[in-house]
Protein backbone atom coordinates (compact mmCIF):
# COMPACT_ATOMS: atom_id res chain seq x y z
CA UNK A 1 -37.58 118.00 16.02
CA UNK A 2 -34.87 116.63 13.75
CA UNK A 3 -34.17 112.96 13.08
CA UNK A 4 -30.98 112.96 15.15
CA UNK A 5 -32.92 113.86 18.30
CA UNK A 6 -35.23 110.82 18.03
CA UNK A 7 -33.26 108.35 20.11
CA UNK A 8 -33.95 105.47 22.47
CA UNK A 9 -33.10 107.84 25.33
CA UNK A 10 -36.06 110.04 24.34
CA UNK A 11 -38.37 107.17 25.31
CA UNK A 12 -37.25 107.49 28.92
CA UNK A 13 -37.92 111.23 28.84
CA UNK A 14 -41.41 111.27 27.33
CA UNK A 15 -43.04 107.83 27.63
CA UNK A 16 -44.70 106.08 30.56
CA UNK A 17 -42.15 103.44 31.67
CA UNK A 18 -44.40 100.39 31.30
CA UNK A 19 -42.32 99.11 28.37
CA UNK A 20 -38.61 98.39 28.11
CA UNK A 21 -37.98 98.63 24.36
CA UNK A 22 -34.72 97.52 22.79
CA UNK A 23 -31.94 99.88 21.87
CA UNK A 24 -32.65 100.00 18.13
CA UNK A 25 -35.39 102.08 16.48
CA UNK A 26 -36.66 100.46 13.26
CA UNK A 27 -37.73 102.96 10.61
CA UNK A 28 -38.52 100.80 7.56
CA UNK A 29 -39.72 97.31 6.80
CA UNK A 30 -40.25 95.29 3.63
CA UNK A 31 -41.38 91.70 3.69
CA UNK A 32 -39.51 89.96 6.49
CA UNK A 33 -36.65 92.45 6.66
CA UNK A 34 -36.47 95.56 8.85
CA UNK A 35 -33.99 98.46 8.86
CA UNK A 36 -33.12 100.73 11.79
CA UNK A 37 -32.12 104.41 11.88
CA UNK A 38 -28.53 103.52 11.01
CA UNK A 39 -29.51 101.36 8.05
CA UNK A 40 -28.79 98.06 9.82
CA UNK A 41 -30.85 95.19 8.44
CA UNK A 42 -32.67 92.61 10.55
CA UNK A 43 -34.49 89.40 9.65
CA UNK A 44 -37.86 89.57 11.40
CA UNK A 45 -38.86 86.27 13.03
CA UNK A 46 -40.98 88.09 15.61
CA UNK A 47 -43.69 89.53 13.40
CA UNK A 48 -44.56 92.32 15.82
CA UNK A 49 -45.68 89.58 18.27
CA UNK A 50 -47.60 87.52 15.69
CA UNK A 51 -49.15 90.61 14.08
CA UNK A 52 -47.49 91.32 10.72
CA UNK A 53 -49.07 88.25 9.13
CA UNK A 54 -48.09 89.22 5.58
CA UNK A 55 -44.84 90.95 6.45
CA UNK A 56 -44.02 94.65 6.32
CA UNK A 57 -45.41 96.98 3.63
CA UNK A 58 -47.20 94.16 1.80
CA UNK A 59 -48.32 95.70 -1.53
CA UNK A 60 -51.85 94.33 -1.22
CA UNK A 61 -52.33 95.74 2.28
CA UNK A 62 -50.79 99.08 1.35
CA UNK A 63 -53.08 99.23 -1.67
CA UNK A 64 -56.18 98.41 0.37
CA UNK A 65 -55.30 101.04 2.95
CA UNK A 66 -54.50 103.78 0.44
CA UNK A 67 -57.63 103.08 -1.60
CA UNK A 68 -59.87 103.24 1.48
CA UNK A 69 -58.03 106.28 2.86
CA UNK A 70 -59.11 108.20 -0.21
CA UNK A 71 -62.75 107.32 0.39
CA UNK A 72 -63.77 107.21 4.05
CA UNK A 73 -61.87 107.01 7.36
CA UNK A 74 -64.54 107.06 10.03
CA UNK A 75 -68.28 107.20 10.53
CA UNK A 76 -68.98 105.92 14.07
CA UNK A 77 -71.43 103.12 14.65
CA UNK A 78 -74.40 105.48 14.39
CA UNK A 79 -74.08 104.37 10.76
CA UNK A 80 -72.38 101.34 9.23
CA UNK A 81 -69.92 101.11 6.34
CA UNK A 82 -69.21 98.84 3.42
CA UNK A 83 -65.78 97.49 4.49
CA UNK A 84 -67.13 96.43 7.91
CA UNK A 85 -70.13 94.62 6.43
CA UNK A 86 -68.04 92.93 3.77
CA UNK A 87 -65.46 91.73 6.31
CA UNK A 88 -68.14 90.48 8.70
CA UNK A 89 -69.80 88.53 5.89
CA UNK A 90 -66.45 86.99 4.89
CA UNK A 91 -65.67 85.94 8.47
CA UNK A 92 -69.12 84.37 8.83
CA UNK A 93 -68.74 82.52 5.52
CA UNK A 94 -65.35 81.10 6.49
CA UNK A 95 -66.11 80.11 10.11
CA UNK A 96 -68.83 78.80 12.43
CA UNK A 97 -69.87 82.38 13.15
CA UNK A 98 -73.15 84.04 12.24
CA UNK A 99 -72.49 87.41 13.89
CA UNK A 100 -69.39 89.61 14.31
CA UNK A 101 -68.49 92.48 16.62
CA UNK A 102 -65.49 94.63 15.69
CA UNK A 103 -63.09 96.24 18.15
CA UNK A 104 -59.57 97.70 18.01
CA UNK A 105 -57.50 95.01 19.72
CA UNK A 106 -57.42 91.52 21.15
CA UNK A 107 -58.03 92.81 24.65
CA UNK A 108 -61.16 94.62 23.49
CA UNK A 109 -62.38 91.58 21.55
CA UNK A 110 -61.94 89.48 24.68
CA UNK A 111 -63.64 92.10 26.86
CA UNK A 112 -66.63 91.88 24.53
CA UNK A 113 -66.53 88.08 24.58
CA UNK A 114 -66.50 87.87 28.38
CA UNK A 115 -69.25 90.47 28.75
CA UNK A 116 -71.37 88.63 26.20
CA UNK A 117 -70.88 85.30 28.01
CA UNK A 118 -72.09 86.80 31.28
CA UNK A 119 -75.00 88.64 29.73
CA UNK A 120 -76.15 85.58 27.80
CA UNK A 121 -76.18 83.54 31.01
CA UNK A 122 -77.94 86.37 32.87
CA UNK A 123 -80.69 86.51 30.23
CA UNK A 124 -81.19 82.75 29.87
CA UNK A 125 -80.40 81.34 33.32
CA UNK A 126 -80.41 84.21 35.82
CA UNK A 127 -77.88 86.41 37.65
CA UNK A 128 -76.33 83.60 39.71
CA UNK A 129 -74.79 82.01 36.61
CA UNK A 130 -71.84 84.40 36.24
CA UNK A 131 -68.64 82.47 36.97
CA UNK A 132 -65.84 82.15 34.43
CA UNK A 133 -63.23 79.40 34.37
CA UNK A 134 -59.89 80.23 32.77
CA UNK A 135 -56.40 78.73 33.00
CA UNK A 136 -53.16 79.40 34.78
CA UNK A 137 -50.47 80.95 32.55
CA UNK A 138 -53.13 82.19 30.14
CA UNK A 139 -53.17 85.72 28.72
CA UNK A 140 -56.29 87.51 27.50
CA UNK A 141 -55.46 91.24 27.54
CA UNK A 142 -54.68 94.17 29.80
CA UNK A 143 -58.07 95.61 30.73
CA UNK A 144 -59.02 94.94 34.35
CA UNK A 145 -61.53 92.26 33.31
CA UNK A 146 -59.28 90.50 30.79
CA UNK A 147 -56.22 90.60 33.01
CA UNK A 148 -58.31 89.06 35.79
CA UNK A 149 -59.47 86.25 33.52
CA UNK A 150 -55.84 85.79 32.45
CA UNK A 151 -53.95 83.35 34.62
CA UNK A 152 -50.78 85.32 35.40
CA UNK A 153 -50.91 87.07 38.77
CA UNK A 154 -48.00 89.40 37.94
CA UNK A 155 -50.19 91.33 35.48
CA UNK A 156 -52.85 91.96 38.14
CA UNK A 157 -50.52 92.98 40.96
CA UNK A 158 -51.32 96.48 42.22
CA UNK A 159 -54.59 96.71 40.31
CA UNK A 160 -56.82 94.85 42.74
CA UNK A 161 -59.59 94.39 43.67
CA UNK A 162 -60.19 92.25 40.60
CA UNK A 163 -63.65 91.46 39.23
CA UNK A 164 -65.07 88.46 41.08
CA UNK A 165 -66.41 85.14 39.88
CA UNK A 166 -63.25 84.08 38.05
CA UNK A 167 -61.54 80.74 38.71
CA UNK A 168 -58.36 79.27 37.25
CA UNK A 169 -57.75 75.63 36.38
CA UNK A 170 -54.63 73.91 35.02
CA UNK A 171 -54.17 73.95 31.25
CA UNK A 172 -54.44 70.51 29.61
CA UNK A 173 -55.83 69.09 32.89
CA UNK A 174 -59.52 68.32 32.42
CA UNK A 175 -59.91 67.01 35.97
CA UNK A 176 -58.95 70.43 37.35
CA UNK A 177 -61.78 71.96 35.31
CA UNK A 178 -64.27 69.32 36.42
CA UNK A 179 -63.42 70.20 40.03
CA UNK A 180 -64.38 73.86 39.44
CA UNK A 181 -67.31 73.78 37.05
CA UNK A 182 -70.85 74.08 38.41
CA UNK A 183 -74.28 75.38 37.58
CA UNK A 184 -72.92 78.86 38.28
CA UNK A 185 -70.37 78.63 35.46
CA UNK A 186 -71.29 80.83 32.49
CA UNK A 187 -68.16 80.23 30.39
CA UNK A 188 -64.86 78.44 30.02
CA UNK A 189 -62.26 80.67 28.37
CA UNK A 190 -59.19 79.09 26.76
CA UNK A 191 -56.42 79.78 24.29
CA UNK A 192 -56.24 76.67 22.06
CA UNK A 193 -52.52 77.36 22.08
CA UNK A 194 -51.26 79.40 25.02
CA UNK A 195 -49.07 82.16 23.58
CA UNK A 196 -47.62 84.36 26.32
CA UNK A 197 -47.72 81.35 28.63
CA UNK A 198 -44.93 79.61 26.70
CA UNK A 199 -46.42 78.52 23.34
CA UNK A 200 -48.22 75.54 24.86
CA UNK A 201 -50.62 73.70 22.51
CA UNK A 202 -53.82 72.35 23.96
CA UNK A 203 -54.35 68.60 23.70
CA UNK A 204 -57.19 67.65 21.36
CA UNK A 205 -58.81 65.49 24.03
CA UNK A 206 -58.58 68.37 26.53
CA UNK A 207 -60.35 70.83 24.21
CA UNK A 208 -62.95 68.20 23.33
CA UNK A 209 -63.47 67.67 27.04
CA UNK A 210 -64.03 71.39 27.60
CA UNK A 211 -66.65 71.39 24.84
CA UNK A 212 -68.45 68.47 26.51
CA UNK A 213 -68.32 70.10 29.95
CA UNK A 214 -69.77 73.34 28.60
CA UNK A 215 -72.59 71.46 26.90
CA UNK A 216 -73.34 69.54 30.10
CA UNK A 217 -73.42 72.66 32.31
CA UNK A 218 -75.08 75.12 29.89
CA UNK A 219 -71.87 77.16 29.74
CA UNK A 220 -70.31 78.85 26.72
CA UNK A 221 -66.93 77.82 25.34
CA UNK A 222 -64.81 80.86 24.45
CA UNK A 223 -61.70 80.41 22.31
CA UNK A 224 -59.15 83.22 22.50
CA UNK A 225 -57.49 83.00 19.09
CA UNK A 226 -55.95 86.46 19.22
CA UNK A 227 -52.46 84.99 18.80
CA UNK A 228 -53.06 81.58 17.22
CA UNK A 229 -55.75 82.58 14.70
CA UNK A 230 -55.80 83.90 11.12
CA UNK A 231 -53.56 81.27 9.57
CA UNK A 232 -50.94 81.14 12.31
CA UNK A 233 -51.33 77.35 12.73
CA UNK A 234 -51.66 76.56 9.03
CA UNK A 235 -55.46 76.60 9.42
CA UNK A 236 -57.48 79.80 9.17
CA UNK A 237 -58.40 79.36 12.84
CA UNK A 238 -57.01 76.86 15.34
CA UNK A 239 -60.45 75.51 16.27
CA UNK A 240 -60.67 74.11 12.73
CA UNK A 241 -57.41 72.23 13.25
CA UNK A 242 -58.71 70.68 16.48
CA UNK A 243 -62.21 69.99 15.21
CA UNK A 244 -63.68 71.65 18.32
CA UNK A 245 -66.12 74.50 17.68
CA UNK A 246 -66.45 77.25 20.31
CA UNK A 247 -69.50 79.40 21.00
CA UNK A 248 -67.46 82.62 20.92
CA UNK A 249 -64.08 83.30 19.30
CA UNK A 250 -61.86 86.36 19.61
CA UNK A 251 -59.43 87.45 16.90
CA UNK A 252 -56.94 90.30 16.45
CA UNK A 253 -53.15 90.50 15.89
CA UNK A 254 -52.71 88.83 12.46
CA UNK A 255 -56.22 89.88 11.45
CA UNK A 256 -55.07 93.39 10.57
CA UNK A 257 -51.56 92.51 9.43
CA UNK A 258 -50.31 95.43 11.55
CA UNK A 259 -53.35 97.71 11.37
CA UNK A 260 -55.23 97.78 14.70
CA UNK A 261 -58.41 95.70 14.56
CA UNK A 262 -60.06 93.01 16.66
CA UNK A 263 -63.15 90.88 16.18
CA UNK A 264 -65.47 88.75 18.28
CA UNK A 265 -67.25 85.97 16.41
CA UNK A 266 -70.32 84.12 17.67
CA UNK A 267 -73.70 82.64 16.75
CA UNK A 268 -76.90 84.58 16.13
CA UNK A 269 -78.59 83.12 19.23
CA UNK A 270 -75.76 84.16 21.56
CA UNK A 271 -75.19 87.51 19.85
CA UNK A 272 -78.81 88.47 20.53
CA UNK A 273 -77.87 89.11 24.17
CA UNK A 274 -75.87 92.17 23.12
CA UNK A 275 -78.89 94.25 22.16
CA UNK A 276 -78.81 97.91 21.18
CA UNK A 277 -76.84 99.97 23.71
CA UNK A 278 -75.39 97.08 25.72
CA UNK A 279 -71.85 97.36 24.33
CA UNK A 280 -69.93 99.51 21.88
CA UNK A 281 -66.66 100.81 20.50
CA UNK A 282 -66.05 104.23 18.96
CA UNK A 283 -63.50 102.96 16.44
CA UNK A 284 -64.71 99.35 16.19
CA UNK A 285 -65.50 98.52 12.56
CA UNK A 286 -63.36 101.41 11.33
CA UNK A 287 -63.40 101.42 7.48
CA UNK A 288 -59.60 101.59 7.25
CA UNK A 289 -59.02 98.62 9.55
CA UNK A 290 -61.76 96.56 7.93
CA UNK A 291 -60.46 97.23 4.41
CA UNK A 292 -56.98 96.07 5.40
CA UNK A 293 -58.28 93.03 7.31
CA UNK A 294 -60.38 92.06 4.30
CA UNK A 295 -57.22 91.83 2.20
CA UNK A 296 -55.50 89.83 4.94
CA UNK A 297 -58.35 87.31 5.17
CA UNK A 298 -58.72 87.07 1.39
CA UNK A 299 -55.00 86.28 1.15
CA UNK A 300 -54.45 84.02 4.16
CA UNK A 301 -57.55 81.90 3.53
CA UNK A 302 -56.21 80.69 0.17
CA UNK A 303 -55.35 76.99 0.23
CA UNK A 304 -51.85 77.49 -1.17
CA UNK A 305 -51.03 80.09 1.50
CA UNK A 306 -52.18 77.79 4.33
CA UNK A 307 -50.21 74.92 2.82
CA UNK A 308 -47.14 77.14 2.59
CA UNK A 309 -47.39 78.00 6.29
CA UNK A 310 -46.99 74.32 7.17
CA UNK A 311 -43.93 73.98 4.91
CA UNK A 312 -42.32 77.10 6.39
CA UNK A 313 -43.08 75.83 9.88
CA UNK A 314 -41.25 72.59 9.22
CA UNK A 315 -38.21 74.41 7.84
CA UNK A 316 -38.05 76.79 10.79
CA UNK A 317 -38.72 74.07 13.37
CA UNK A 318 -36.03 71.77 11.97
CA UNK A 319 -33.53 74.62 11.87
CA UNK A 320 -34.15 75.60 15.49
CA UNK A 321 -34.05 71.98 16.64
CA UNK A 322 -30.68 71.55 14.91
CA UNK A 323 -29.32 74.66 16.65
CA UNK A 324 -30.69 73.36 19.93
CA UNK A 325 -28.94 70.04 19.49
CA UNK A 326 -25.62 71.58 18.50
CA UNK A 327 -25.51 73.86 21.53
CA UNK A 328 -27.64 71.82 23.95
CA UNK A 329 -29.96 74.75 24.66
CA UNK A 330 -33.46 73.51 23.74
CA UNK A 331 -35.34 70.62 25.33
CA UNK A 332 -38.06 70.85 22.67
CA UNK A 333 -39.50 73.03 19.93
CA UNK A 334 -43.28 73.06 20.31
CA UNK A 335 -46.24 74.87 18.81
CA UNK A 336 -48.09 74.78 15.50
CA UNK A 337 -47.51 76.43 12.15
CA UNK A 338 -45.62 79.70 12.53
CA UNK A 339 -46.18 80.04 16.26
CA UNK A 340 -43.26 78.11 17.72
CA UNK A 341 -41.74 77.96 21.18
CA UNK A 342 -38.15 76.80 21.73
CA UNK A 343 -37.96 75.64 25.35
CA UNK A 344 -34.63 76.20 27.09
CA UNK A 345 -32.92 73.27 28.81
CA UNK A 346 -32.46 73.24 32.57
CA UNK A 347 -28.92 74.59 32.23
CA UNK A 348 -30.24 77.70 30.46
CA UNK A 349 -33.36 78.36 32.52
CA UNK A 350 -34.20 82.06 32.87
CA UNK A 351 -31.91 83.13 30.01
CA UNK A 352 -34.42 83.64 27.15
CA UNK A 353 -33.90 87.42 27.10
CA UNK A 354 -30.14 86.92 26.66
CA UNK A 355 -30.76 85.07 23.39
CA UNK A 356 -33.22 87.75 22.23
CA UNK A 357 -30.69 90.52 22.88
CA UNK A 358 -27.87 88.60 21.23
CA UNK A 359 -30.14 88.06 18.24
CA UNK A 360 -30.60 91.81 17.84
CA UNK A 361 -26.82 92.23 17.87
CA UNK A 362 -26.57 89.63 15.10
CA UNK A 363 -29.39 91.08 13.00
CA UNK A 364 -32.33 88.81 13.79
CA UNK A 365 -35.50 89.61 15.72
CA UNK A 366 -37.08 86.91 17.89
CA UNK A 367 -39.49 86.94 20.83
CA UNK A 368 -39.68 85.37 24.25
CA UNK A 369 -42.66 83.79 26.03
CA UNK A 370 -41.67 83.95 29.65
CA UNK A 371 -38.07 83.58 30.77
CA UNK A 372 -37.56 80.06 29.44
CA UNK A 373 -38.98 80.06 25.90
CA UNK A 374 -37.77 81.64 22.66
CA UNK A 375 -40.89 82.40 20.62
CA UNK A 376 -41.04 82.69 16.83
CA UNK A 377 -44.03 84.23 15.02
CA UNK A 378 -42.84 85.51 11.64
CA UNK A 379 -44.78 86.53 8.56
CA UNK A 380 -46.96 83.71 7.26
CA UNK A 381 -45.38 84.19 3.82
CA UNK A 382 -41.77 84.65 4.94
CA UNK A 383 -39.50 83.63 2.03
CA UNK A 384 -37.41 80.50 2.60
CA UNK A 385 -34.12 82.41 2.10
CA UNK A 386 -35.17 84.72 4.94
CA UNK A 387 -35.84 81.72 7.18
CA UNK A 388 -32.39 80.33 6.39
CA UNK A 389 -30.70 83.70 6.91
CA UNK A 390 -32.57 84.21 10.17
CA UNK A 391 -31.45 80.80 11.41
CA UNK A 392 -27.84 81.54 10.50
CA UNK A 393 -27.92 84.84 12.38
CA UNK A 394 -29.65 83.28 15.37
CA UNK A 395 -27.03 80.54 15.53
CA UNK A 396 -24.31 83.20 15.65
CA UNK A 397 -26.20 84.78 18.55
CA UNK A 398 -26.46 81.45 20.34
CA UNK A 399 -22.74 80.85 19.84
CA UNK A 400 -21.98 84.19 21.52
CA UNK A 401 -24.28 83.52 24.48
CA UNK A 402 -22.85 80.02 24.92
CA UNK A 403 -19.22 81.12 24.61
């Protein structure tokens, strides 16, 4: 098959239609710039949905991958491997965690987290303690279990019956959680910052309240940091920014910088409930993924990198707020670090995709979070000139939409 026959139309001929990809096909990336088949250049403010944490083709990540590729690709978990053990030790040293389970994605990390929460309660308190409280507008993955815990009914439609014992409260509303929690609750599951739900940060008092409720009811607090973790907020993990420590934390996306990997972090006491044979993953802990993730963590955890994320956030936030004011399109720009949500004003409700599409036409890639929020999740080390160029291109897109 020659290059000319690889077109957007081919997607409709050979792929399951669960995605609706844009009309361009990127073929090369470097840093925070991407080029399509025709050589058109784009500034990437989307980051592969908060994944390419160090940009495209980062020399350190490429080097780690190539070096490991020449040694060992796969063993299975009948044996272990050096990159997996080294990465697990690093994650434990840098966080509250004492034990790590590796998977391939955020959905799988969350699946493991939710299974662990139920099994821990089953072992310590009995089979009746199995209920999970999550939040409306949350997103935790696409497996049947994780999509059921997620608080967006549209993702569950047509896949029922859903697993039982799952209840949904209102995000940032502690009273709504208090009304649901009981002795049957095994876990409260929350994104410290809701990503797909509109880039909605949790209030510190709300997250502190969840911690207290879990302690009072012998329930586990699970933080889904798949989108907001690994430096995204300017802290290695968001829980460190809030000063609220969970019992279980899930990570993925930025963890691999573009290479598929997920991780579930927890304590030794809780981890003991996943004894031999209770859970597994064929590719989880893959040497290639762990080698790349090690380089990501070693880089992102440096103090100067985390400090730089905050400076880049301020530059990007101010630029988007200025555009919003000039064209009266944003009511606020919210979020933390380099996970920002630009909320459309009432006059522009439902039009987020129009701005995304116009951005592509003007050479800038952004995201949406629902129909009313423009989401930005670029590389954590995006150069300032790329931020400025991206803002200029996005303003041209806005001008076209508003014309």
